[in-house]
Amino acid sequence: MKSKRVKIVIALGSNVDQEAHILKAKKWLEATFEDMTFGTSLWTEPIGLSSDKFLNTLGVGYTNVNMERTLLAIKNIERKCGRRVAESRKGIIAVDIDLLLFDSERLHETDWNRGYVKNLLQQLGVSID
């Protein structure tokens, strides 16, 4: 039996070699998930840490696997793009990829209230209600 195809919304951010890391992450996401489309990239101030500005974007796509496997795939992409625990603890974020929506389940609820997330969701035609 084929798994249900579900919509996913993914947030990406980087505060080091930002353009290169976001581009690499987008390519991996496009290779991993179906019909990925991305909004524009926006520069934002860091939240909760002292670092260079973040480059952020959102992607919308589809997956046929459950949430657990989707999250494992995302963590694997973060590692392939250079994310390391020791560097993250120092505020060096090669790439941070968060699953914001899986089917109808919203995750990282505080992210949904951030201005840049709202703007990018609207740009991508994703309802924020």
N, C-alpha and C. Protein backbone atom coordinates (compact mmCIF):
# COMPACT_ATOMS: atom_id res chain seq x y z
N MET A 1 0.83 -1.18 0.00
CA MET A 1 0.00 0.00 0.00
C MET A 1 0.88 1.25 0.00
N LYS A 2 0.59 2.18 -0.87
CA LYS A 2 1.37 3.39 -0.97
C LYS A 2 1.01 4.36 0.15
N SER A 3 2.03 5.01 0.70
CA SER A 3 1.79 5.98 1.76
C SER A 3 1.11 7.21 1.19
N LYS A 4 0.42 7.91 2.06
CA LYS A 4 -0.27 9.14 1.70
C LYS A 4 0.75 10.23 1.39
N ARG A 5 0.53 10.97 0.33
CA ARG A 5 1.38 12.11 -0.03
C ARG A 5 0.92 13.30 0.80
N VAL A 6 1.82 13.85 1.60
CA VAL A 6 1.46 14.97 2.47
C VAL A 6 2.31 16.19 2.18
N LYS A 7 1.71 17.34 2.42
CA LYS A 7 2.40 18.62 2.24
C LYS A 7 3.32 18.87 3.42
N ILE A 8 4.50 19.41 3.12
CA ILE A 8 5.44 19.82 4.15
C ILE A 8 5.87 21.26 3.89
N VAL A 9 6.13 21.98 4.97
CA VAL A 9 6.73 23.31 4.90
C VAL A 9 8.00 23.26 5.73
N ILE A 10 9.08 23.71 5.14
CA ILE A 10 10.40 23.62 5.76
C ILE A 10 11.02 25.01 5.82
N ALA A 11 11.58 25.36 6.99
CA ALA A 11 12.30 26.62 7.17
C ALA A 11 13.80 26.33 7.14
N LEU A 12 14.54 27.19 6.44
CA LEU A 12 15.99 27.05 6.35
C LEU A 12 16.64 28.34 6.81
N GLY A 13 17.75 28.21 7.53
CA GLY A 13 18.51 29.38 7.94
C GLY A 13 19.98 29.04 8.05
N SER A 14 20.82 30.06 7.85
CA SER A 14 22.26 29.90 7.97
C SER A 14 22.88 31.23 8.39
N ASN A 15 23.91 31.16 9.25
CA ASN A 15 24.59 32.40 9.65
C ASN A 15 26.09 32.38 9.33
N VAL A 16 26.51 31.43 8.52
CA VAL A 16 27.91 31.38 8.09
C VAL A 16 27.95 30.89 6.64
N ASP A 17 28.71 31.62 5.79
CA ASP A 17 28.74 31.30 4.36
C ASP A 17 27.30 31.03 3.88
N GLN A 18 26.43 31.98 4.21
CA GLN A 18 25.00 31.80 4.14
C GLN A 18 24.48 31.37 2.77
N GLU A 19 24.85 32.11 1.72
CA GLU A 19 24.30 31.79 0.40
C GLU A 19 24.68 30.39 -0.05
N ALA A 20 25.93 30.01 0.16
CA ALA A 20 26.39 28.68 -0.26
C ALA A 20 25.68 27.58 0.52
N HIS A 21 25.53 27.77 1.82
CA HIS A 21 24.87 26.73 2.62
C HIS A 21 23.38 26.61 2.28
N ILE A 22 22.70 27.73 2.07
CA ILE A 22 21.27 27.67 1.73
C ILE A 22 21.10 27.01 0.36
N LEU A 23 21.95 27.36 -0.60
CA LEU A 23 21.86 26.75 -1.93
C LEU A 23 22.07 25.23 -1.85
N LYS A 24 23.07 24.81 -1.10
CA LYS A 24 23.34 23.37 -0.95
C LYS A 24 22.16 22.67 -0.30
N ALA A 25 21.60 23.27 0.75
CA ALA A 25 20.45 22.67 1.43
C ALA A 25 19.25 22.57 0.49
N LYS A 26 19.01 23.61 -0.30
CA LYS A 26 17.89 23.57 -1.26
C LYS A 26 18.06 22.41 -2.24
N LYS A 27 19.27 22.22 -2.73
CA LYS A 27 19.51 21.13 -3.69
C LYS A 27 19.23 19.77 -3.05
N TRP A 28 19.68 19.58 -1.81
CA TRP A 28 19.42 18.31 -1.12
C TRP A 28 17.93 18.13 -0.86
N LEU A 29 17.25 19.19 -0.47
CA LEU A 29 15.80 19.10 -0.22
C LEU A 29 15.05 18.76 -1.50
N GLU A 30 15.45 19.39 -2.61
CA GLU A 30 14.81 19.09 -3.90
C GLU A 30 15.04 17.64 -4.32
N ALA A 31 16.20 17.10 -3.97
CA ALA A 31 16.51 15.70 -4.32
C ALA A 31 15.79 14.71 -3.40
N THR A 32 15.40 15.16 -2.22
CA THR A 32 14.81 14.28 -1.21
C THR A 32 13.29 14.29 -1.21
N PHE A 33 12.70 15.46 -1.42
CA PHE A 33 11.25 15.61 -1.35
C PHE A 33 10.69 15.98 -2.72
N GLU A 34 9.39 15.78 -2.89
CA GLU A 34 8.74 16.01 -4.18
C GLU A 34 8.28 17.46 -4.33
N ASP A 35 8.42 17.96 -5.56
CA ASP A 35 7.84 19.26 -5.95
C ASP A 35 8.21 20.39 -4.99
N MET A 36 9.46 20.44 -4.55
CA MET A 36 9.90 21.51 -3.64
C MET A 36 9.94 22.84 -4.38
N THR A 37 9.36 23.85 -3.79
CA THR A 37 9.49 25.23 -4.26
C THR A 37 9.91 26.08 -3.08
N PHE A 38 10.66 27.13 -3.35
CA PHE A 38 11.19 27.97 -2.30
C PHE A 38 10.79 29.42 -2.51
N GLY A 39 10.61 30.11 -1.40
CA GLY A 39 10.37 31.55 -1.45
C GLY A 39 11.70 32.27 -1.62
N THR A 40 11.62 33.59 -1.62
CA THR A 40 12.84 34.37 -1.69
C THR A 40 13.62 34.19 -0.38
N SER A 41 14.89 34.53 -0.43
CA SER A 41 15.71 34.47 0.77
C SER A 41 15.73 35.85 1.43
N LEU A 42 15.62 35.87 2.75
CA LEU A 42 15.58 37.12 3.50
C LEU A 42 16.66 37.13 4.58
N TRP A 43 17.30 38.28 4.75
CA TRP A 43 18.29 38.45 5.82
C TRP A 43 17.57 38.86 7.09
N THR A 44 17.91 38.22 8.20
CA THR A 44 17.30 38.54 9.49
C THR A 44 18.37 38.60 10.58
N GLU A 45 18.03 39.35 11.62
CA GLU A 45 18.91 39.41 12.79
C GLU A 45 18.79 38.09 13.56
N PRO A 46 19.86 37.64 14.19
CA PRO A 46 19.79 36.41 14.97
C PRO A 46 18.85 36.57 16.17
N ILE A 47 18.19 35.47 16.52
CA ILE A 47 17.28 35.45 17.66
C ILE A 47 17.88 34.53 18.72
N GLY A 48 18.20 35.09 19.87
CA GLY A 48 18.68 34.27 20.98
C GLY A 48 20.16 33.94 20.96
N LEU A 49 20.92 34.53 20.03
CA LEU A 49 22.37 34.32 20.04
C LEU A 49 23.05 35.49 19.38
N SER A 50 24.32 35.65 19.66
CA SER A 50 25.12 36.72 19.09
C SER A 50 25.89 36.14 17.91
N SER A 51 25.53 36.58 16.69
CA SER A 51 26.18 36.04 15.50
C SER A 51 25.95 36.98 14.32
N ASP A 52 26.50 36.60 13.19
CA ASP A 52 26.20 37.30 11.95
C ASP A 52 24.73 37.13 11.64
N LYS A 53 24.25 37.93 10.69
CA LYS A 53 22.85 37.81 10.27
C LYS A 53 22.60 36.43 9.67
N PHE A 54 21.34 36.03 9.76
CA PHE A 54 20.90 34.78 9.14
C PHE A 54 20.32 35.07 7.77
N LEU A 55 20.54 34.15 6.86
CA LEU A 55 19.82 34.13 5.59
C LEU A 55 18.77 33.03 5.75
N ASN A 56 17.51 33.40 5.53
CA ASN A 56 16.39 32.47 5.74
C ASN A 56 15.55 32.34 4.49
N THR A 57 14.95 31.18 4.34
CA THR A 57 13.95 30.97 3.31
C THR A 57 13.03 29.85 3.77
N LEU A 58 11.93 29.70 3.07
CA LEU A 58 10.99 28.61 3.32
C LEU A 58 10.83 27.80 2.06
N GLY A 59 10.57 26.52 2.23
CA GLY A 59 10.27 25.64 1.11
C GLY A 59 8.98 24.89 1.37
N VAL A 60 8.25 24.64 0.29
CA VAL A 60 7.03 23.84 0.35
C VAL A 60 7.21 22.67 -0.60
N GLY A 61 6.85 21.49 -0.15
CA GLY A 61 6.95 20.30 -0.99
C GLY A 61 6.06 19.21 -0.45
N TYR A 62 6.36 17.98 -0.87
CA TYR A 62 5.53 16.83 -0.50
C TYR A 62 6.42 15.64 -0.18
N THR A 63 5.90 14.77 0.68
CA THR A 63 6.60 13.54 1.02
C THR A 63 5.59 12.40 1.13
N ASN A 64 6.09 11.19 0.91
CA ASN A 64 5.27 9.99 1.05
C ASN A 64 5.66 9.18 2.28
N VAL A 65 6.56 9.71 3.10
CA VAL A 65 6.99 8.98 4.30
C VAL A 65 6.41 9.66 5.54
N ASN A 66 6.45 8.94 6.67
CA ASN A 66 5.87 9.49 7.90
C ASN A 66 6.74 10.62 8.45
N MET A 67 6.23 11.28 9.49
CA MET A 67 6.94 12.42 10.05
C MET A 67 8.31 12.04 10.59
N GLU A 68 8.41 10.93 11.26
CA GLU A 68 9.69 10.51 11.83
C GLU A 68 10.76 10.36 10.74
N ARG A 69 10.41 9.71 9.65
CA ARG A 69 11.37 9.54 8.55
C ARG A 69 11.67 10.87 7.86
N THR A 70 10.67 11.74 7.79
CA THR A 70 10.89 13.07 7.22
C THR A 70 11.89 13.85 8.07
N LEU A 71 11.72 13.81 9.38
CA LEU A 71 12.65 14.51 10.28
C LEU A 71 14.05 13.92 10.21
N LEU A 72 14.17 12.60 10.11
CA LEU A 72 15.49 11.97 9.95
C LEU A 72 16.16 12.42 8.66
N ALA A 73 15.39 12.51 7.59
CA ALA A 73 15.95 12.98 6.31
C ALA A 73 16.44 14.42 6.43
N ILE A 74 15.68 15.25 7.12
CA ILE A 74 16.08 16.65 7.31
C ILE A 74 17.37 16.74 8.12
N LYS A 75 17.48 15.98 9.20
CA LYS A 75 18.71 15.99 10.01
C LYS A 75 19.90 15.49 9.19
N ASN A 76 19.68 14.52 8.34
CA ASN A 76 20.74 14.02 7.47
C ASN A 76 21.19 15.11 6.50
N ILE A 77 20.25 15.86 5.95
CA ILE A 77 20.60 16.96 5.05
C ILE A 77 21.39 18.02 5.80
N GLU A 78 21.00 18.35 7.02
CA GLU A 78 21.76 19.32 7.81
C GLU A 78 23.22 18.87 7.94
N ARG A 79 23.44 17.60 8.25
CA ARG A 79 24.81 17.08 8.38
C ARG A 79 25.56 17.17 7.05
N LYS A 80 24.90 16.79 5.95
CA LYS A 80 25.54 16.85 4.64
C LYS A 80 25.92 18.28 4.26
N CYS A 81 25.19 19.24 4.82
CA CYS A 81 25.46 20.65 4.52
C CYS A 81 26.42 21.29 5.52
N GLY A 82 26.99 20.49 6.42
CA GLY A 82 28.03 21.00 7.31
C GLY A 82 27.63 21.32 8.72
N ARG A 83 26.41 21.03 9.11
CA ARG A 83 26.00 21.33 10.50
C ARG A 83 26.68 20.37 11.46
N ARG A 84 27.31 20.96 12.49
CA ARG A 84 28.00 20.18 13.51
C ARG A 84 27.55 20.66 14.88
N VAL A 85 27.32 19.72 15.79
CA VAL A 85 26.83 20.05 17.13
C VAL A 85 27.77 21.02 17.84
N ALA A 86 29.07 20.75 17.80
CA ALA A 86 30.03 21.60 18.51
C ALA A 86 29.99 23.03 17.99
N GLU A 87 29.89 23.21 16.67
CA GLU A 87 29.81 24.55 16.10
C GLU A 87 28.49 25.22 16.45
N SER A 88 27.41 24.45 16.41
CA SER A 88 26.09 25.01 16.74
C SER A 88 26.08 25.55 18.17
N ARG A 89 26.75 24.86 19.08
CA ARG A 89 26.82 25.32 20.47
C ARG A 89 27.55 26.65 20.59
N LYS A 90 28.43 26.94 19.63
CA LYS A 90 29.16 28.21 19.61
C LYS A 90 28.42 29.28 18.81
N GLY A 91 27.23 28.96 18.32
CA GLY A 91 26.45 29.93 17.54
C GLY A 91 26.78 29.95 16.07
N ILE A 92 27.57 28.98 15.61
CA ILE A 92 27.92 28.87 14.19
C ILE A 92 26.97 27.86 13.56
N ILE A 93 26.04 28.36 12.76
CA ILE A 93 24.99 27.51 12.20
C ILE A 93 25.18 27.44 10.69
N ALA A 94 25.84 26.37 10.22
CA ALA A 94 26.02 26.20 8.78
C ALA A 94 24.65 26.17 8.11
N VAL A 95 23.77 25.35 8.63
CA VAL A 95 22.38 25.33 8.15
C VAL A 95 21.49 24.76 9.25
N ASP A 96 20.36 25.40 9.42
CA ASP A 96 19.33 24.92 10.34
C ASP A 96 18.08 24.69 9.50
N ILE A 97 17.56 23.49 9.54
CA ILE A 97 16.37 23.15 8.76
C ILE A 97 15.31 22.65 9.73
N ASP A 98 14.18 23.33 9.74
CA ASP A 98 13.09 22.96 10.63
C ASP A 98 11.85 22.60 9.83
N LEU A 99 11.20 21.54 10.23
CA LEU A 99 9.92 21.14 9.65
C LEU A 99 8.83 21.94 10.36
N LEU A 100 8.18 22.85 9.62
CA LEU A 100 7.14 23.69 10.20
C LEU A 100 5.75 23.08 10.06
N LEU A 101 5.56 22.33 8.97
CA LEU A 101 4.24 21.74 8.73
C LEU A 101 4.42 20.34 8.16
N PHE A 102 3.68 19.40 8.73
CA PHE A 102 3.61 18.05 8.19
C PHE A 102 2.13 17.72 8.06
N ASP A 103 1.64 17.67 6.83
CA ASP A 103 0.22 17.49 6.55
C ASP A 103 -0.53 18.66 7.18
N SER A 104 -1.32 18.43 8.20
CA SER A 104 -2.03 19.55 8.85
C SER A 104 -1.45 19.87 10.22
N GLU A 105 -0.36 19.20 10.61
CA GLU A 105 0.24 19.41 11.93
C GLU A 105 1.32 20.47 11.88
N ARG A 106 1.10 21.55 12.65
CA ARG A 106 2.08 22.62 12.74
C ARG A 106 3.09 22.32 13.84
N LEU A 107 4.37 22.52 13.52
CA LEU A 107 5.46 22.33 14.48
C LEU A 107 6.18 23.67 14.65
N HIS A 108 7.02 23.78 15.65
CA HIS A 108 7.78 25.02 15.90
C HIS A 108 6.82 26.21 15.89
N GLU A 109 5.82 26.15 16.73
CA GLU A 109 4.72 27.13 16.73
C GLU A 109 5.21 28.57 16.82
N THR A 110 6.27 28.84 17.59
CA THR A 110 6.75 30.22 17.71
C THR A 110 7.28 30.76 16.39
N ASP A 111 7.82 29.89 15.55
CA ASP A 111 8.32 30.34 14.24
C ASP A 111 7.21 30.90 13.37
N TRP A 112 6.00 30.36 13.49
CA TRP A 112 4.88 30.81 12.67
C TRP A 112 4.53 32.27 12.92
N ASN A 113 4.92 32.81 14.08
CA ASN A 113 4.61 34.20 14.43
C ASN A 113 5.69 35.18 14.01
N ARG A 114 6.80 34.70 13.51
CA ARG A 114 7.88 35.59 13.07
C ARG A 114 7.50 36.27 11.76
N GLY A 115 7.82 37.55 11.67
CA GLY A 115 7.44 38.33 10.50
C GLY A 115 7.92 37.74 9.19
N TYR A 116 9.19 37.36 9.13
CA TYR A 116 9.71 36.83 7.87
C TYR A 116 9.05 35.51 7.49
N VAL A 117 8.69 34.70 8.49
CA VAL A 117 8.00 33.43 8.21
C VAL A 117 6.61 33.71 7.65
N LYS A 118 5.89 34.64 8.27
CA LYS A 118 4.56 35.00 7.77
C LYS A 118 4.64 35.50 6.33
N ASN A 119 5.62 36.37 6.05
CA ASN A 119 5.78 36.91 4.69
C ASN A 119 6.07 35.80 3.68
N LEU A 120 6.97 34.90 4.03
CA LEU A 120 7.33 33.83 3.10
C LEU A 120 6.20 32.82 2.93
N LEU A 121 5.46 32.54 4.00
CA LEU A 121 4.30 31.65 3.88
C LEU A 121 3.28 32.24 2.92
N GLN A 122 3.03 33.54 3.06
CA GLN A 122 2.08 34.21 2.17
C GLN A 122 2.59 34.16 0.73
N GLN A 123 3.88 34.42 0.54
CA GLN A 123 4.49 34.38 -0.79
C GLN A 123 4.31 33.01 -1.45
N LEU A 124 4.40 31.96 -0.62
CA LEU A 124 4.29 30.59 -1.13
C LEU A 124 2.85 30.08 -1.17
N GLY A 125 1.91 30.92 -0.74
CA GLY A 125 0.50 30.53 -0.79
C GLY A 125 0.09 29.55 0.28
N VAL A 126 0.80 29.56 1.41
CA VAL A 126 0.48 28.66 2.52
C VAL A 126 -0.34 29.43 3.54
N SER A 127 -1.49 28.90 3.91
CA SER A 127 -2.36 29.53 4.90
C SER A 127 -1.68 29.52 6.26
N ILE A 128 -1.77 30.64 6.98
CA ILE A 128 -1.15 30.72 8.30
C ILE A 128 -2.18 30.56 9.42
N ASP A 129 -3.40 30.28 9.08
CA ASP A 129 -4.45 30.11 10.10
C ASP A 129 -4.50 28.69 10.60
